[in-house]
Amino acid sequence: MANRPRTASTRNEEDMMAIARRKISQTTDPVEKLRLLCLSRGAAGIMGMGKVFRRMDDDGSHSLNLEEFTKGIRETGLKLTDEDTEKLFQAFDKDDEGTINYEEFLVAIRPKMNDRRKKLVDMAFDKLDKTDDGVVTLDDLKGVYSVQKHPKYQSGEMTEDQILNTVIKKFENNTSVDGKITMDEFYDYYAGVSASIDQDAYFDLMMRNAWGIK
C-alpha cells in the first residue's frame, strides 16, 4: 500500500524532531537539553511535560521539591540522568530553598514565540473560550469549530461530538486526559508547533485557517 502524502505540517514537525535529536548530544545546558528532548517527541512533547507537572501539584502550591521533580521527569519518559535532573532543579532553585516553581520552569522550557505568534495563539484561545473561564471544553468548541467539511462527518462515519473530541485529544496527553484545554496547555502545544515553523507568515496562515481567525 502506498504511503499517504505527508502534509507540510507533518514534514515541518518531522524535520524539527530530527534536528532536536541531533542537537541533544551537542548541548551541555540541562534546560536546553530537556527542551530538545521534548521537541524530539514532536509538537506535543512540551505539552506532555506540562501536563505531568501540573497534575502532580495536588495542593495547588505551584512548587515541587527535588523528589517530586525527579518523579515528574521520569513520568514523562524522557531519558535524563539523575545528575542532569539535579542540575536542572538547582538551576531553578535560585533561592536554594529546596523547591522550585514549576510554572516558571515550564515557561522557561517552552521554545520562545515572538509577539506576533503569541497574539495569534491568544486570539485563537479567546475565540474558543466562549464562557471566558480560561478552559476550553467540548461545548465551547461547538459553533466555533465547524465539522461540516470534515470527510468523516460528511460520510456519516463520525458525529460532531466525536470529531470535536478528536480535536480536544490533540491537546491531551496519555498522562492527563480530562476533556479540557487550559490556556497553559494551549500555549505549551503551540510553542511546540511554532518551533517547527520557520516563517511567521506560514504560522499566521495555519492559525487563521485552523481556528477561523479574521
N, C-alpha and C. Protein backbone atom coordinates (compact mmCIF):
# COMPACT_ATOMS: atom_id res chain seq x y z
N MET A 1 0.85 -1.19 0.00
CA MET A 1 0.00 0.00 0.00
C MET A 1 0.89 1.25 0.00
N ALA A 2 0.58 2.19 -0.86
CA ALA A 2 1.40 3.40 -0.98
C ALA A 2 1.24 4.26 0.27
N ASN A 3 2.35 4.91 0.65
CA ASN A 3 2.29 5.82 1.79
C ASN A 3 1.46 7.04 1.44
N ARG A 4 0.69 7.50 2.42
CA ARG A 4 -0.08 8.72 2.17
C ARG A 4 0.87 9.90 2.09
N PRO A 5 0.58 10.87 1.21
CA PRO A 5 1.46 12.04 1.11
C PRO A 5 1.50 12.79 2.43
N ARG A 6 2.69 13.26 2.80
CA ARG A 6 2.83 13.99 4.05
C ARG A 6 2.45 15.45 3.84
N THR A 7 1.76 16.01 4.80
CA THR A 7 1.41 17.43 4.71
C THR A 7 2.64 18.26 5.07
N ALA A 8 2.56 19.55 4.73
CA ALA A 8 3.66 20.47 5.07
C ALA A 8 3.88 20.49 6.57
N SER A 9 2.78 20.47 7.34
CA SER A 9 2.90 20.50 8.80
C SER A 9 3.62 19.26 9.31
N THR A 10 3.29 18.09 8.73
CA THR A 10 3.94 16.85 9.14
C THR A 10 5.42 16.89 8.82
N ARG A 11 5.78 17.39 7.63
CA ARG A 11 7.19 17.50 7.25
C ARG A 11 7.93 18.43 8.19
N ASN A 12 7.31 19.57 8.49
CA ASN A 12 7.93 20.53 9.41
C ASN A 12 8.22 19.88 10.76
N GLU A 13 7.22 19.15 11.26
CA GLU A 13 7.37 18.53 12.58
C GLU A 13 8.45 17.46 12.56
N GLU A 14 8.47 16.65 11.51
CA GLU A 14 9.49 15.59 11.41
C GLU A 14 10.89 16.18 11.30
N ASP A 15 11.01 17.29 10.56
CA ASP A 15 12.31 17.97 10.45
C ASP A 15 12.75 18.50 11.82
N MET A 16 11.81 19.12 12.54
CA MET A 16 12.12 19.66 13.86
C MET A 16 12.60 18.55 14.79
N MET A 17 11.90 17.40 14.77
CA MET A 17 12.25 16.27 15.63
C MET A 17 13.66 15.77 15.32
N ALA A 18 13.98 15.68 14.02
CA ALA A 18 15.31 15.19 13.61
C ALA A 18 16.40 16.17 14.05
N ILE A 19 16.15 17.47 13.87
CA ILE A 19 17.13 18.49 14.28
C ILE A 19 17.34 18.46 15.78
N ALA A 20 16.24 18.34 16.54
CA ALA A 20 16.33 18.29 18.00
C ALA A 20 17.16 17.09 18.45
N ARG A 21 16.93 15.93 17.82
CA ARG A 21 17.69 14.72 18.18
C ARG A 21 19.18 14.92 17.94
N ARG A 22 19.53 15.60 16.84
CA ARG A 22 20.95 15.84 16.54
C ARG A 22 21.58 16.79 17.55
N LYS A 23 20.82 17.80 17.97
CA LYS A 23 21.37 18.83 18.85
C LYS A 23 21.52 18.37 20.31
N ILE A 24 20.75 17.34 20.70
CA ILE A 24 20.77 16.89 22.11
C ILE A 24 22.19 16.57 22.57
N SER A 25 22.94 15.85 21.73
CA SER A 25 24.28 15.43 22.13
C SER A 25 25.29 16.58 22.11
N GLN A 26 24.89 17.71 21.52
CA GLN A 26 25.82 18.83 21.38
C GLN A 26 25.70 19.85 22.51
N THR A 27 24.65 19.75 23.33
CA THR A 27 24.44 20.76 24.37
C THR A 27 24.75 20.21 25.75
N THR A 28 25.32 21.06 26.59
CA THR A 28 25.60 20.67 27.98
C THR A 28 24.64 21.39 28.94
N ASP A 29 23.87 22.34 28.42
CA ASP A 29 22.92 23.08 29.24
C ASP A 29 21.72 22.17 29.53
N PRO A 30 21.47 21.84 30.82
CA PRO A 30 20.37 20.91 31.12
C PRO A 30 18.99 21.42 30.70
N VAL A 31 18.78 22.76 30.74
CA VAL A 31 17.49 23.32 30.33
C VAL A 31 17.28 23.13 28.83
N GLU A 32 18.33 23.45 28.06
CA GLU A 32 18.25 23.28 26.61
C GLU A 32 18.13 21.80 26.24
N LYS A 33 18.82 20.95 26.99
CA LYS A 33 18.75 19.51 26.72
C LYS A 33 17.32 18.99 26.91
N LEU A 34 16.67 19.43 27.98
CA LEU A 34 15.30 18.99 28.23
C LEU A 34 14.35 19.53 27.16
N ARG A 35 14.55 20.79 26.77
CA ARG A 35 13.71 21.37 25.70
C ARG A 35 13.86 20.56 24.42
N LEU A 36 15.10 20.19 24.07
CA LEU A 36 15.34 19.42 22.86
C LEU A 36 14.77 18.00 22.96
N LEU A 37 14.86 17.41 24.16
CA LEU A 37 14.26 16.09 24.36
C LEU A 37 12.75 16.14 24.12
N CYS A 38 12.13 17.21 24.62
CA CYS A 38 10.68 17.38 24.39
C CYS A 38 10.39 17.56 22.91
N LEU A 39 11.15 18.43 22.24
CA LEU A 39 10.91 18.70 20.83
C LEU A 39 11.19 17.48 19.95
N SER A 40 12.09 16.61 20.42
CA SER A 40 12.39 15.40 19.64
C SER A 40 11.19 14.45 19.62
N ARG A 41 10.20 14.72 20.49
CA ARG A 41 8.96 13.92 20.50
C ARG A 41 7.86 14.56 19.67
N GLY A 42 8.14 15.71 19.09
CA GLY A 42 7.14 16.37 18.26
C GLY A 42 6.50 17.55 18.96
N ALA A 43 5.53 18.16 18.28
CA ALA A 43 4.91 19.38 18.78
C ALA A 43 4.27 19.20 20.15
N ALA A 44 3.80 18.00 20.45
CA ALA A 44 3.10 17.77 21.73
C ALA A 44 4.04 17.43 22.88
N GLY A 45 5.35 17.38 22.61
CA GLY A 45 6.31 17.00 23.65
C GLY A 45 6.33 17.95 24.83
N ILE A 46 6.32 19.24 24.56
CA ILE A 46 6.32 20.26 25.62
C ILE A 46 5.01 20.17 26.41
N MET A 47 3.93 19.98 25.68
CA MET A 47 2.61 19.90 26.31
C MET A 47 2.54 18.71 27.29
N GLY A 48 3.11 17.58 26.89
CA GLY A 48 3.11 16.40 27.76
C GLY A 48 3.86 16.66 29.05
N MET A 49 4.97 17.38 28.95
CA MET A 49 5.73 17.75 30.14
C MET A 49 4.89 18.61 31.08
N GLY A 50 4.21 19.60 30.52
CA GLY A 50 3.38 20.50 31.33
C GLY A 50 2.28 19.75 32.05
N LYS A 51 1.64 18.81 31.35
CA LYS A 51 0.52 18.08 31.96
C LYS A 51 0.98 17.25 33.15
N VAL A 52 2.15 16.62 33.03
CA VAL A 52 2.66 15.80 34.13
C VAL A 52 2.87 16.65 35.38
N PHE A 53 3.56 17.79 35.22
CA PHE A 53 3.89 18.60 36.39
C PHE A 53 2.67 19.27 37.00
N ARG A 54 1.75 19.71 36.16
CA ARG A 54 0.54 20.35 36.71
C ARG A 54 -0.32 19.34 37.46
N ARG A 55 -0.34 18.10 36.96
CA ARG A 55 -1.13 17.07 37.62
C ARG A 55 -0.54 16.71 38.99
N MET A 56 0.77 16.82 39.12
CA MET A 56 1.44 16.46 40.37
C MET A 56 1.19 17.47 41.49
N ASP A 57 0.75 18.66 41.13
CA ASP A 57 0.60 19.73 42.13
C ASP A 57 -0.73 19.58 42.86
N ASP A 58 -0.78 18.59 43.76
CA ASP A 58 -2.03 18.26 44.46
C ASP A 58 -2.53 19.40 45.34
N ASP A 59 -1.61 20.11 45.98
CA ASP A 59 -2.03 21.15 46.94
C ASP A 59 -2.13 22.54 46.33
N GLY A 60 -1.90 22.63 45.00
CA GLY A 60 -2.02 23.93 44.33
C GLY A 60 -0.96 24.93 44.72
N SER A 61 0.18 24.44 45.19
CA SER A 61 1.24 25.34 45.67
C SER A 61 2.13 25.87 44.54
N HIS A 62 2.02 25.27 43.34
CA HIS A 62 2.86 25.62 42.19
C HIS A 62 4.33 25.33 42.45
N SER A 63 4.63 24.52 43.48
CA SER A 63 6.04 24.23 43.76
C SER A 63 6.24 22.73 43.93
N LEU A 64 7.45 22.28 43.62
CA LEU A 64 7.83 20.88 43.74
C LEU A 64 9.20 20.78 44.39
N ASN A 65 9.39 19.75 45.22
CA ASN A 65 10.74 19.52 45.75
C ASN A 65 11.50 18.61 44.78
N LEU A 66 12.76 18.33 45.09
CA LEU A 66 13.60 17.55 44.17
C LEU A 66 13.02 16.17 43.91
N GLU A 67 12.51 15.52 44.96
CA GLU A 67 11.95 14.17 44.80
C GLU A 67 10.74 14.19 43.86
N GLU A 68 9.85 15.17 44.04
CA GLU A 68 8.66 15.28 43.18
C GLU A 68 9.07 15.62 41.75
N PHE A 69 10.04 16.52 41.64
CA PHE A 69 10.53 16.94 40.32
C PHE A 69 11.14 15.75 39.57
N THR A 70 11.96 14.96 40.28
CA THR A 70 12.60 13.79 39.66
C THR A 70 11.54 12.79 39.21
N LYS A 71 10.52 12.59 40.05
CA LYS A 71 9.42 11.68 39.71
C LYS A 71 8.71 12.17 38.44
N GLY A 72 8.50 13.49 38.36
CA GLY A 72 7.84 14.08 37.19
C GLY A 72 8.63 13.85 35.92
N ILE A 73 9.94 14.07 36.00
CA ILE A 73 10.80 13.85 34.82
C ILE A 73 10.70 12.39 34.37
N ARG A 74 10.72 11.48 35.34
CA ARG A 74 10.64 10.04 35.00
C ARG A 74 9.29 9.71 34.36
N GLU A 75 8.23 10.31 34.90
CA GLU A 75 6.88 10.03 34.37
C GLU A 75 6.73 10.47 32.92
N THR A 76 7.45 11.51 32.54
CA THR A 76 7.35 11.95 31.14
C THR A 76 8.00 10.95 30.20
N GLY A 77 8.84 10.06 30.76
CA GLY A 77 9.52 9.08 29.93
C GLY A 77 10.76 9.63 29.25
N LEU A 78 11.13 10.87 29.59
CA LEU A 78 12.32 11.48 28.99
C LEU A 78 13.57 10.93 29.66
N LYS A 79 14.55 10.60 28.85
CA LYS A 79 15.78 9.99 29.38
C LYS A 79 16.74 11.11 29.82
N LEU A 80 16.68 11.41 31.12
CA LEU A 80 17.57 12.42 31.69
C LEU A 80 18.27 11.75 32.87
N THR A 81 19.59 11.87 32.95
CA THR A 81 20.30 11.24 34.07
C THR A 81 19.92 11.93 35.38
N ASP A 82 20.15 11.22 36.50
CA ASP A 82 19.88 11.82 37.81
C ASP A 82 20.70 13.08 38.00
N GLU A 83 21.94 13.04 37.48
CA GLU A 83 22.82 14.21 37.61
C GLU A 83 22.25 15.41 36.85
N ASP A 84 21.79 15.18 35.61
CA ASP A 84 21.21 16.27 34.82
C ASP A 84 19.90 16.77 35.44
N THR A 85 19.12 15.83 35.99
CA THR A 85 17.86 16.22 36.64
C THR A 85 18.14 17.14 37.83
N GLU A 86 19.17 16.79 38.60
CA GLU A 86 19.52 17.61 39.77
C GLU A 86 20.06 18.98 39.33
N LYS A 87 20.86 18.99 38.28
CA LYS A 87 21.38 20.27 37.74
C LYS A 87 20.22 21.15 37.30
N LEU A 88 19.26 20.54 36.65
CA LEU A 88 18.08 21.26 36.17
C LEU A 88 17.32 21.86 37.34
N PHE A 89 17.13 21.05 38.38
CA PHE A 89 16.42 21.51 39.57
C PHE A 89 17.17 22.68 40.22
N GLN A 90 18.47 22.53 40.36
CA GLN A 90 19.28 23.57 41.01
C GLN A 90 19.27 24.87 40.20
N ALA A 91 19.18 24.74 38.87
CA ALA A 91 19.15 25.95 38.02
C ALA A 91 17.90 26.79 38.30
N PHE A 92 16.83 26.14 38.75
CA PHE A 92 15.59 26.86 39.01
C PHE A 92 15.35 27.12 40.51
N ASP A 93 16.12 26.44 41.36
CA ASP A 93 16.01 26.67 42.81
C ASP A 93 16.95 27.82 43.17
N LYS A 94 16.59 29.02 42.68
CA LYS A 94 17.51 30.16 42.79
C LYS A 94 17.75 30.62 44.23
N ASP A 95 16.75 30.46 45.11
CA ASP A 95 16.93 30.88 46.49
C ASP A 95 17.44 29.74 47.38
N ASP A 96 17.74 28.58 46.76
CA ASP A 96 18.33 27.44 47.46
C ASP A 96 17.46 26.96 48.62
N GLU A 97 16.14 26.98 48.42
CA GLU A 97 15.23 26.55 49.48
C GLU A 97 14.76 25.11 49.32
N GLY A 98 15.19 24.46 48.24
CA GLY A 98 14.82 23.06 48.04
C GLY A 98 13.50 22.85 47.32
N THR A 99 12.92 23.92 46.80
CA THR A 99 11.69 23.80 45.99
C THR A 99 11.82 24.72 44.78
N ILE A 100 11.08 24.38 43.73
CA ILE A 100 11.04 25.25 42.55
C ILE A 100 9.59 25.52 42.15
N ASN A 101 9.38 26.66 41.55
CA ASN A 101 8.08 27.00 40.98
C ASN A 101 8.02 26.34 39.60
N TYR A 102 7.19 25.29 39.48
CA TYR A 102 7.21 24.52 38.23
C TYR A 102 6.61 25.31 37.07
N GLU A 103 5.74 26.28 37.34
CA GLU A 103 5.18 27.08 36.24
C GLU A 103 6.29 27.91 35.58
N GLU A 104 7.17 28.51 36.42
CA GLU A 104 8.31 29.26 35.87
C GLU A 104 9.21 28.32 35.08
N PHE A 105 9.40 27.11 35.59
CA PHE A 105 10.21 26.10 34.92
C PHE A 105 9.63 25.76 33.55
N LEU A 106 8.31 25.54 33.50
CA LEU A 106 7.66 25.16 32.24
C LEU A 106 7.72 26.28 31.22
N VAL A 107 7.56 27.53 31.69
CA VAL A 107 7.66 28.68 30.78
C VAL A 107 9.07 28.75 30.19
N ALA A 108 10.08 28.46 31.02
CA ALA A 108 11.47 28.50 30.54
C ALA A 108 11.77 27.38 29.55
N ILE A 109 11.10 26.24 29.72
CA ILE A 109 11.31 25.09 28.83
C ILE A 109 10.68 25.32 27.46
N ARG A 110 9.56 26.05 27.42
CA ARG A 110 8.88 26.30 26.14
C ARG A 110 9.81 26.98 25.14
N PRO A 111 9.82 26.53 23.89
CA PRO A 111 10.52 27.30 22.86
C PRO A 111 9.90 28.69 22.77
N LYS A 112 10.72 29.69 22.56
CA LYS A 112 10.23 31.07 22.55
C LYS A 112 9.39 31.35 21.30
N MET A 113 8.27 32.08 21.50
CA MET A 113 7.45 32.56 20.39
C MET A 113 7.54 34.08 20.37
N ASN A 114 7.60 34.66 19.17
CA ASN A 114 7.62 36.12 19.11
C ASN A 114 6.21 36.67 19.38
N ASP A 115 6.13 38.00 19.53
CA ASP A 115 4.86 38.62 19.92
C ASP A 115 3.76 38.39 18.89
N ARG A 116 4.13 38.36 17.61
CA ARG A 116 3.13 38.16 16.56
C ARG A 116 2.47 36.78 16.72
N ARG A 117 3.28 35.77 16.99
CA ARG A 117 2.75 34.41 17.14
C ARG A 117 1.95 34.28 18.44
N LYS A 118 2.45 34.90 19.52
CA LYS A 118 1.72 34.86 20.79
C LYS A 118 0.33 35.46 20.63
N LYS A 119 0.25 36.56 19.88
CA LYS A 119 -1.04 37.23 19.68
C LYS A 119 -2.02 36.31 18.96
N LEU A 120 -1.54 35.57 17.97
CA LEU A 120 -2.40 34.63 17.25
C LEU A 120 -2.90 33.50 18.15
N VAL A 121 -2.01 32.99 19.01
CA VAL A 121 -2.41 31.94 19.95
C VAL A 121 -3.45 32.48 20.93
N ASP A 122 -3.22 33.71 21.41
CA ASP A 122 -4.20 34.35 22.31
C ASP A 122 -5.55 34.52 21.63
N MET A 123 -5.52 34.97 20.37
CA MET A 123 -6.77 35.20 19.62
C MET A 123 -7.54 33.88 19.43
N ALA A 124 -6.79 32.81 19.11
CA ALA A 124 -7.43 31.50 18.90
C ALA A 124 -8.07 31.02 20.20
N PHE A 125 -7.34 31.13 21.30
CA PHE A 125 -7.89 30.64 22.57
C PHE A 125 -9.10 31.46 23.00
N ASP A 126 -9.00 32.78 22.84
CA ASP A 126 -10.12 33.65 23.22
C ASP A 126 -11.38 33.31 22.43
N LYS A 127 -11.18 32.97 21.15
CA LYS A 127 -12.32 32.63 20.31
C LYS A 127 -12.96 31.31 20.77
N LEU A 128 -12.11 30.35 21.18
CA LEU A 128 -12.62 29.05 21.61
C LEU A 128 -13.26 29.11 22.99
N ASP A 129 -12.70 29.94 23.86
CA ASP A 129 -13.17 30.00 25.25
C ASP A 129 -14.41 30.88 25.34
N LYS A 130 -15.54 30.34 24.87
CA LYS A 130 -16.78 31.13 24.79
C LYS A 130 -17.28 31.56 26.17
N THR A 131 -17.04 30.72 27.18
CA THR A 131 -17.53 31.05 28.53
C THR A 131 -16.55 31.93 29.30
N ASP A 132 -15.39 32.19 28.69
CA ASP A 132 -14.40 33.11 29.28
C ASP A 132 -13.98 32.68 30.68
N ASP A 133 -13.85 31.35 30.88
CA ASP A 133 -13.44 30.85 32.19
C ASP A 133 -12.02 30.28 32.18
N GLY A 134 -11.31 30.47 31.04
CA GLY A 134 -9.92 30.01 30.97
C GLY A 134 -9.77 28.54 30.65
N VAL A 135 -10.89 27.87 30.31
CA VAL A 135 -10.86 26.44 29.97
C VAL A 135 -11.73 26.21 28.74
N VAL A 136 -11.22 25.46 27.77
CA VAL A 136 -11.99 25.12 26.57
C VAL A 136 -12.50 23.68 26.70
N THR A 137 -13.81 23.51 26.54
CA THR A 137 -14.45 22.20 26.64
C THR A 137 -15.13 21.86 25.31
N LEU A 138 -15.74 20.69 25.26
CA LEU A 138 -16.47 20.27 24.07
C LEU A 138 -17.56 21.28 23.72
N ASP A 139 -18.28 21.75 24.72
CA ASP A 139 -19.36 22.72 24.48
C ASP A 139 -18.81 24.03 23.91
N ASP A 140 -17.62 24.43 24.36
CA ASP A 140 -17.00 25.65 23.84
C ASP A 140 -16.70 25.51 22.34
N LEU A 141 -16.27 24.32 21.95
CA LEU A 141 -15.89 24.11 20.55
C LEU A 141 -17.08 24.14 19.60
N LYS A 142 -18.25 23.73 20.09
CA LYS A 142 -19.43 23.70 19.23
C LYS A 142 -19.78 25.11 18.76
N GLY A 143 -19.98 25.24 17.47
CA GLY A 143 -20.33 26.54 16.93
C GLY A 143 -19.12 27.40 16.60
N VAL A 144 -17.95 26.98 17.09
CA VAL A 144 -16.71 27.70 16.79
C VAL A 144 -15.89 26.91 15.79
N TYR A 145 -15.76 25.61 16.05
CA TYR A 145 -15.02 24.72 15.16
C TYR A 145 -16.03 23.98 14.29
N SER A 146 -16.04 24.29 13.00
CA SER A 146 -17.03 23.69 12.10
C SER A 146 -16.58 22.31 11.61
N VAL A 147 -17.47 21.33 11.72
CA VAL A 147 -17.15 19.97 11.26
C VAL A 147 -17.78 19.68 9.90
N GLN A 148 -18.51 20.67 9.36
CA GLN A 148 -19.32 20.43 8.15
C GLN A 148 -18.49 19.89 6.97
N LYS A 149 -17.23 20.34 6.86
CA LYS A 149 -16.40 19.92 5.72
C LYS A 149 -15.55 18.70 6.03
N HIS A 150 -15.66 18.20 7.27
CA HIS A 150 -14.86 17.03 7.65
C HIS A 150 -15.38 15.81 6.88
N PRO A 151 -14.49 15.10 6.15
CA PRO A 151 -14.95 13.98 5.31
C PRO A 151 -15.69 12.90 6.11
N LYS A 152 -15.28 12.64 7.35
CA LYS A 152 -15.94 11.59 8.13
C LYS A 152 -17.30 12.06 8.67
N TYR A 153 -17.48 13.36 8.77
CA TYR A 153 -18.79 13.89 9.15
C TYR A 153 -19.72 13.80 7.93
N GLN A 154 -19.19 14.16 6.77
CA GLN A 154 -19.99 14.13 5.54
C GLN A 154 -20.41 12.70 5.18
N SER A 155 -19.51 11.73 5.48
CA SER A 155 -19.83 10.34 5.13
C SER A 155 -20.70 9.66 6.20
N GLY A 156 -20.88 10.34 7.34
CA GLY A 156 -21.69 9.76 8.41
C GLY A 156 -20.93 8.83 9.32
N GLU A 157 -19.59 8.71 9.11
CA GLU A 157 -18.77 7.82 9.95
C GLU A 157 -18.65 8.34 11.38
N MET A 158 -18.61 9.68 11.52
CA MET A 158 -18.42 10.27 12.85
C MET A 158 -19.43 11.37 13.08
N THR A 159 -19.85 11.50 14.34
CA THR A 159 -20.77 12.59 14.70
C THR A 159 -19.96 13.85 15.01
N GLU A 160 -20.67 14.96 15.17
CA GLU A 160 -19.98 16.21 15.52
C GLU A 160 -19.20 16.05 16.83
N ASP A 161 -19.85 15.45 17.85
CA ASP A 161 -19.17 15.28 19.15
C ASP A 161 -17.91 14.43 19.02
N GLN A 162 -17.98 13.38 18.22
CA GLN A 162 -16.80 12.51 18.05
C GLN A 162 -15.64 13.27 17.40
N ILE A 163 -15.95 14.07 16.40
CA ILE A 163 -14.89 14.84 15.73
C ILE A 163 -14.31 15.89 16.67
N LEU A 164 -15.20 16.57 17.41
CA LEU A 164 -14.71 17.60 18.34
C LEU A 164 -13.86 16.98 19.45
N ASN A 165 -14.21 15.77 19.85
CA ASN A 165 -13.39 15.08 20.85
C ASN A 165 -12.00 14.76 20.32
N THR A 166 -11.89 14.47 19.02
CA THR A 166 -10.56 14.22 18.45
C THR A 166 -9.74 15.51 18.43
N VAL A 167 -10.42 16.65 18.25
CA VAL A 167 -9.73 17.94 18.30
C VAL A 167 -9.17 18.17 19.70
N ILE A 168 -9.99 17.91 20.72
CA ILE A 168 -9.53 18.09 22.10
C ILE A 168 -8.39 17.14 22.42
N LYS A 169 -8.47 15.90 21.93
CA LYS A 169 -7.43 14.91 22.23
C LYS A 169 -6.07 15.33 21.68
N LYS A 170 -6.08 16.15 20.64
CA LYS A 170 -4.81 16.64 20.09
C LYS A 170 -4.03 17.42 21.16
N PHE A 171 -4.77 18.03 22.08
CA PHE A 171 -4.14 18.82 23.13
C PHE A 171 -4.00 18.03 24.43
N GLU A 172 -4.46 16.76 24.41
CA GLU A 172 -4.36 15.93 25.59
C GLU A 172 -3.05 15.14 25.54
N ASN A 173 -2.81 14.41 26.60
CA ASN A 173 -1.63 13.57 26.67
C ASN A 173 -2.04 12.35 27.49
N ASN A 174 -1.43 11.21 27.23
CA ASN A 174 -1.82 9.99 27.94
C ASN A 174 -1.74 10.13 29.46
N THR A 175 -0.93 11.08 29.92
CA THR A 175 -0.77 11.27 31.36
C THR A 175 -1.93 12.06 31.96
N SER A 176 -2.70 12.74 31.12
CA SER A 176 -3.78 13.56 31.66
C SER A 176 -4.84 13.78 30.59
N VAL A 177 -5.91 12.99 30.66
CA VAL A 177 -7.00 13.11 29.70
C VAL A 177 -8.25 13.53 30.46
N ASP A 178 -8.60 14.81 30.36
CA ASP A 178 -9.74 15.29 31.14
C ASP A 178 -10.78 16.01 30.28
N GLY A 179 -10.55 16.05 28.95
CA GLY A 179 -11.53 16.69 28.07
C GLY A 179 -11.56 18.20 28.17
N LYS A 180 -10.51 18.77 28.76
CA LYS A 180 -10.44 20.23 28.91
C LYS A 180 -9.08 20.73 28.44
N ILE A 181 -9.08 21.92 27.86
CA ILE A 181 -7.83 22.54 27.42
C ILE A 181 -7.69 23.87 28.17
N THR A 182 -6.63 23.99 28.96
CA THR A 182 -6.38 25.26 29.64
C THR A 182 -5.52 26.15 28.75
N MET A 183 -5.44 27.42 29.10
CA MET A 183 -4.62 28.35 28.33
C MET A 183 -3.16 27.89 28.33
N ASP A 184 -2.67 27.41 29.48
CA ASP A 184 -1.28 26.95 29.56
C ASP A 184 -1.05 25.76 28.63
N GLU A 185 -2.00 24.81 28.61
CA GLU A 185 -1.86 23.65 27.74
C GLU A 185 -1.88 24.07 26.27
N PHE A 186 -2.73 25.02 25.95
CA PHE A 186 -2.83 25.55 24.58
C PHE A 186 -1.50 26.18 24.16
N TYR A 187 -0.92 26.95 25.09
CA TYR A 187 0.38 27.59 24.83
C TYR A 187 1.48 26.55 24.70
N ASP A 188 1.48 25.55 25.59
CA ASP A 188 2.51 24.50 25.53
C ASP A 188 2.48 23.82 24.16
N TYR A 189 1.27 23.51 23.69
CA TYR A 189 1.14 22.82 22.41
C TYR A 189 1.64 23.69 21.26
N TYR A 190 1.19 24.95 21.22
CA TYR A 190 1.55 25.79 20.08
C TYR A 190 2.99 26.30 20.15
N ALA A 191 3.60 26.27 21.34
CA ALA A 191 5.03 26.57 21.42
C ALA A 191 5.82 25.49 20.67
N GLY A 192 5.36 24.24 20.81
CA GLY A 192 5.99 23.14 20.08
C GLY A 192 5.75 23.24 18.58
N VAL A 193 4.52 23.56 18.20
CA VAL A 193 4.19 23.73 16.78
C VAL A 193 5.01 24.88 16.19
N SER A 194 5.08 25.97 16.93
CA SER A 194 5.81 27.16 16.47
C SER A 194 7.29 26.84 16.21
N ALA A 195 7.86 26.00 17.08
CA ALA A 195 9.27 25.64 16.93
C ALA A 195 9.55 24.91 15.63
N SER A 196 8.52 24.29 15.05
CA SER A 196 8.70 23.53 13.81
C SER A 196 8.46 24.39 12.56
N ILE A 197 8.07 25.64 12.77
CA ILE A 197 7.73 26.51 11.62
C ILE A 197 8.64 27.74 11.60
N ASP A 198 9.41 27.87 10.56
CA ASP A 198 10.38 28.98 10.48
C ASP A 198 9.71 30.31 10.16
N GLN A 199 8.75 30.29 9.25
CA GLN A 199 8.21 31.55 8.73
C GLN A 199 6.96 31.99 9.49
N ASP A 200 6.97 33.27 9.91
CA ASP A 200 5.80 33.82 10.60
C ASP A 200 4.55 33.76 9.73
N ALA A 201 4.73 34.01 8.44
CA ALA A 201 3.57 34.05 7.53
C ALA A 201 2.88 32.68 7.48
N TYR A 202 3.66 31.62 7.52
CA TYR A 202 3.09 30.27 7.47
C TYR A 202 2.36 29.97 8.79
N PHE A 203 2.98 30.36 9.91
CA PHE A 203 2.33 30.15 11.21
C PHE A 203 1.02 30.93 11.28
N ASP A 204 1.05 32.15 10.77
CA ASP A 204 -0.14 33.02 10.73
C ASP A 204 -1.26 32.34 9.93
N LEU A 205 -0.92 31.87 8.74
CA LEU A 205 -1.90 31.22 7.87
C LEU A 205 -2.48 29.96 8.51
N MET A 206 -1.59 29.17 9.12
CA MET A 206 -2.03 27.93 9.76
C MET A 206 -3.02 28.21 10.89
N MET A 207 -2.71 29.19 11.74
CA MET A 207 -3.59 29.51 12.88
C MET A 207 -4.93 30.07 12.40
N ARG A 208 -4.89 30.95 11.41
CA ARG A 208 -6.14 31.55 10.90
C ARG A 208 -7.03 30.50 10.23
N ASN A 209 -6.41 29.59 9.47
CA ASN A 209 -7.18 28.54 8.82
C ASN A 209 -7.74 27.54 9.83
N ALA A 210 -6.93 27.20 10.84
CA ALA A 210 -7.35 26.19 11.82
C ALA A 210 -8.51 26.67 12.68
N TRP A 211 -8.49 27.94 13.06
CA TRP A 211 -9.47 28.43 14.03
C TRP A 211 -10.37 29.54 13.51
N GLY A 212 -10.28 29.82 12.19
CA GLY A 212 -11.17 30.81 11.59
C GLY A 212 -10.97 32.20 12.16
N ILE A 213 -9.71 32.55 12.43
CA ILE A 213 -9.41 33.89 12.97
C ILE A 213 -9.44 34.89 11.82
N LYS A 214 -10.15 35.98 12.01
CA LYS A 214 -10.23 37.02 10.97
C LYS A 214 -9.01 37.92 11.02
